[in-house]
Amino acid sequence: MTSLWSNVTFRRLFFGRIVTNVVDSLYVISTMWLVHELVYVL
């Protein structure tokens, strides 16, 4: 059985998911930060 890491399609999917998760996390953090700033300004 060959390793999954030798499969180019799997590597693209895996690293794509990592990038997606990082960007989604940054989006959530920036949204919470914006809400925090707007609450304390008003």
PDB file of N, CA and C in Angstrom:
ATOM      1  N   MET A   1       0.834  -1.178   0.000  1.00  0.00           N
ATOM      2  CA  MET A   1       0.000   0.000   0.000  1.00  0.00           C
ATOM      3  C   MET A   1       0.885   1.250   0.000  1.00  0.00           C
ATOM      4  N   THR A   2       0.592   2.168  -0.887  1.00  0.00           N
ATOM      5  CA  THR A   2       1.417   3.374  -0.965  1.00  0.00           C
ATOM      6  C   THR A   2       0.990   4.376   0.098  1.00  0.00           C
ATOM      7  N   SER A   3       1.896   5.234   0.440  1.00  0.00           N
ATOM      8  CA  SER A   3       1.634   6.252   1.440  1.00  0.00           C
ATOM      9  C   SER A   3       0.719   7.335   0.880  1.00  0.00           C
ATOM     10  N   LEU A   4      -0.105   7.892   1.752  1.00  0.00           N
ATOM     11  CA  LEU A   4      -0.978   8.986   1.314  1.00  0.00           C
ATOM     12  C   LEU A   4      -0.173  10.212   0.891  1.00  0.00           C
ATOM     13  N   TRP A   5       0.985  10.404   1.536  1.00  0.00           N
ATOM     14  CA  TRP A   5       1.785  11.592   1.238  1.00  0.00           C
ATOM     15  C   TRP A   5       2.401  11.548  -0.151  1.00  0.00           C
ATOM     16  N   SER A   6       2.436  10.400  -0.761  1.00  0.00           N
ATOM     17  CA  SER A   6       2.956  10.325  -2.125  1.00  0.00           C
ATOM     18  C   SER A   6       1.887  10.690  -3.158  1.00  0.00           C
ATOM     19  N   ASN A   7       0.652  10.815  -2.711  1.00  0.00           N
ATOM     20  CA  ASN A   7      -0.451  11.180  -3.586  1.00  0.00           C
ATOM     21  C   ASN A   7      -0.560  12.710  -3.660  1.00  0.00           C
ATOM     22  N   VAL A   8      -0.349  13.266  -4.840  1.00  0.00           N
ATOM     23  CA  VAL A   8      -0.348  14.725  -5.013  1.00  0.00           C
ATOM     24  C   VAL A   8      -1.717  15.318  -4.701  1.00  0.00           C
ATOM     25  N   THR A   9      -2.767  14.654  -5.094  1.00  0.00           N
ATOM     26  CA  THR A   9      -4.115  15.154  -4.849  1.00  0.00           C
ATOM     27  C   THR A   9      -4.408  15.228  -3.353  1.00  0.00           C
ATOM     28  N   PHE A  10      -3.990  14.214  -2.620  1.00  0.00           N
ATOM     29  CA  PHE A  10      -4.193  14.222  -1.168  1.00  0.00           C
ATOM     30  C   PHE A  10      -3.424  15.361  -0.511  1.00  0.00           C
ATOM     31  N   ARG A  11      -2.165  15.574  -0.937  1.00  0.00           N
ATOM     32  CA  ARG A  11      -1.374  16.667  -0.352  1.00  0.00           C
ATOM     33  C   ARG A  11      -2.019  18.010  -0.612  1.00  0.00           C
ATOM     34  N   ARG A  12      -2.526  18.220  -1.829  1.00  0.00           N
ATOM     35  CA  ARG A  12      -3.205  19.489  -2.141  1.00  0.00           C
ATOM     36  C   ARG A  12      -4.437  19.670  -1.277  1.00  0.00           C
ATOM     37  N   LEU A  13      -5.223  18.615  -1.121  1.00  0.00           N
ATOM     38  CA  LEU A  13      -6.415  18.679  -0.284  1.00  0.00           C
ATOM     39  C   LEU A  13      -6.047  18.962   1.162  1.00  0.00           C
ATOM     40  N   PHE A  14      -5.045  18.264   1.671  1.00  0.00           N
ATOM     41  CA  PHE A  14      -4.632  18.411   3.063  1.00  0.00           C
ATOM     42  C   PHE A  14      -4.156  19.829   3.363  1.00  0.00           C
ATOM     43  N   PHE A  15      -3.242  20.340   2.547  1.00  0.00           N
ATOM     44  CA  PHE A  15      -2.725  21.686   2.793  1.00  0.00           C
ATOM     45  C   PHE A  15      -3.766  22.756   2.485  1.00  0.00           C
ATOM     46  N   GLY A  16      -4.650  22.490   1.554  1.00  0.00           N
ATOM     47  CA  GLY A  16      -5.755  23.409   1.307  1.00  0.00           C
ATOM     48  C   GLY A  16      -6.669  23.513   2.493  1.00  0.00           C
ATOM     49  N   ARG A  17      -6.934  22.386   3.139  1.00  0.00           N
ATOM     50  CA  ARG A  17      -7.775  22.402   4.337  1.00  0.00           C
ATOM     51  C   ARG A  17      -7.088  23.137   5.483  1.00  0.00           C
ATOM     52  N   ILE A  18      -5.757  22.978   5.603  1.00  0.00           N
ATOM     53  CA  ILE A  18      -5.023  23.695   6.647  1.00  0.00           C
ATOM     54  C   ILE A  18      -5.141  25.199   6.422  1.00  0.00           C
ATOM     55  N   VAL A  19      -4.929  25.647   5.193  1.00  0.00           N
ATOM     56  CA  VAL A  19      -5.037  27.073   4.875  1.00  0.00           C
ATOM     57  C   VAL A  19      -6.451  27.564   5.139  1.00  0.00           C
ATOM     58  N   THR A  20      -7.450  26.795   4.753  1.00  0.00           N
ATOM     59  CA  THR A  20      -8.840  27.192   4.975  1.00  0.00           C
ATOM     60  C   THR A  20      -9.135  27.327   6.458  1.00  0.00           C
ATOM     61  N   ASN A  21      -8.667  26.395   7.265  1.00  0.00           N
ATOM     62  CA  ASN A  21      -8.914  26.463   8.703  1.00  0.00           C
ATOM     63  C   ASN A  21      -8.226  27.674   9.336  1.00  0.00           C
ATOM     64  N   VAL A  22      -7.016  27.985   8.903  1.00  0.00           N
ATOM     65  CA  VAL A  22      -6.303  29.145   9.449  1.00  0.00           C
ATOM     66  C   VAL A  22      -7.044  30.432   9.095  1.00  0.00           C
ATOM     67  N   VAL A  23      -7.465  30.554   7.845  1.00  0.00           N
ATOM     68  CA  VAL A  23      -8.163  31.771   7.409  1.00  0.00           C
ATOM     69  C   VAL A  23      -9.512  31.887   8.104  1.00  0.00           C
ATOM     70  N   ASP A  24     -10.226  30.783   8.265  1.00  0.00           N
ATOM     71  CA  ASP A  24     -11.500  30.824   8.983  1.00  0.00           C
ATOM     72  C   ASP A  24     -11.304  31.258  10.427  1.00  0.00           C
ATOM     73  N   SER A  25     -10.242  30.799  11.062  1.00  0.00           N
ATOM     74  CA  SER A  25      -9.959  31.191  12.440  1.00  0.00           C
ATOM     75  C   SER A  25      -9.642  32.680  12.526  1.00  0.00           C
ATOM     76  N   LEU A  26      -8.870  33.187  11.584  1.00  0.00           N
ATOM     77  CA  LEU A  26      -8.575  34.620  11.574  1.00  0.00           C
ATOM     78  C   LEU A  26      -9.844  35.444  11.356  1.00  0.00           C
ATOM     79  N   TYR A  27     -10.751  34.946  10.529  1.00  0.00           N
ATOM     80  CA  TYR A  27     -12.021  35.638  10.284  1.00  0.00           C
ATOM     81  C   TYR A  27     -12.841  35.713  11.569  1.00  0.00           C
ATOM     82  N   VAL A  28     -12.912  34.616  12.305  1.00  0.00           N
ATOM     83  CA  VAL A  28     -13.685  34.599  13.552  1.00  0.00           C
ATOM     84  C   VAL A  28     -13.059  35.547  14.567  1.00  0.00           C
ATOM     85  N   ILE A  29     -11.746  35.523  14.682  1.00  0.00           N
ATOM     86  CA  ILE A  29     -11.065  36.408  15.631  1.00  0.00           C
ATOM     87  C   ILE A  29     -11.285  37.866  15.262  1.00  0.00           C
ATOM     88  N   SER A  30     -11.160  38.196  13.981  1.00  0.00           N
ATOM     89  CA  SER A  30     -11.336  39.595  13.575  1.00  0.00           C
ATOM     90  C   SER A  30     -12.790  40.037  13.749  1.00  0.00           C
ATOM     91  N   THR A  31     -13.751  39.140  13.553  1.00  0.00           N
ATOM     92  CA  THR A  31     -15.154  39.492  13.764  1.00  0.00           C
ATOM     93  C   THR A  31     -15.424  39.761  15.244  1.00  0.00           C
ATOM     94  N   MET A  32     -14.894  38.913  16.118  1.00  0.00           N
ATOM     95  CA  MET A  32     -15.078  39.145  17.558  1.00  0.00           C
ATOM     96  C   MET A  32     -14.410  40.448  17.987  1.00  0.00           C
ATOM     97  N   TRP A  33     -13.253  40.740  17.420  1.00  0.00           N
ATOM     98  CA  TRP A  33     -12.538  41.967  17.751  1.00  0.00           C
ATOM     99  C   TRP A  33     -13.351  43.183  17.295  1.00  0.00           C
ATOM    100  N   LEU A  34     -13.926  43.122  16.108  1.00  0.00           N
ATOM    101  CA  LEU A  34     -14.756  44.215  15.599  1.00  0.00           C
ATOM    102  C   LEU A  34     -15.972  44.436  16.484  1.00  0.00           C
ATOM    103  N   VAL A  35     -16.638  43.362  16.874  1.00  0.00           N
ATOM    104  CA  VAL A  35     -17.799  43.483  17.761  1.00  0.00           C
ATOM    105  C   VAL A  35     -17.374  44.080  19.092  1.00  0.00           C
ATOM    106  N   HIS A  36     -16.262  43.665  19.618  1.00  0.00           N
ATOM    107  CA  HIS A  36     -15.746  44.209  20.883  1.00  0.00           C
ATOM    108  C   HIS A  36     -15.498  45.707  20.753  1.00  0.00           C
ATOM    109  N   GLU A  37     -14.856  46.117  19.667  1.00  0.00           N
ATOM    110  CA  GLU A  37     -14.579  47.530  19.461  1.00  0.00           C
ATOM    111  C   GLU A  37     -15.860  48.341  19.294  1.00  0.00           C
ATOM    112  N   LEU A  38     -16.835  47.805  18.566  1.00  0.00           N
ATOM    113  CA  LEU A  38     -18.076  48.539  18.347  1.00  0.00           C
ATOM    114  C   LEU A  38     -18.899  48.653  19.621  1.00  0.00           C
ATOM    115  N   VAL A  39     -18.854  47.643  20.462  1.00  0.00           N
ATOM    116  CA  VAL A  39     -19.627  47.674  21.721  1.00  0.00           C
ATOM    117  C   VAL A  39     -19.062  48.739  22.647  1.00  0.00           C
ATOM    118  N   TYR A  40     -17.758  48.838  22.740  1.00  0.00           N
ATOM    119  CA  TYR A  40     -17.163  49.790  23.664  1.00  0.00           C
ATOM    120  C   TYR A  40     -17.092  51.202  23.115  1.00  0.00           C
ATOM    121  N   VAL A  41     -17.281  51.397  21.828  1.00  0.00           N
ATOM    122  CA  VAL A  41     -17.324  52.740  21.258  1.00  0.00           C
ATOM    123  C   VAL A  41     -18.698  53.352  21.503  1.00  0.00           C
ATOM    124  N   LEU A  42     -19.730  52.527  21.389  1.00  0.00           N
ATOM    125  CA  LEU A  42     -21.089  53.018  21.620  1.00  0.00           C
ATOM    126  C   LEU A  42     -21.330  53.068  23.088  1.00  0.00           C
TER     127      LEU A  42
END
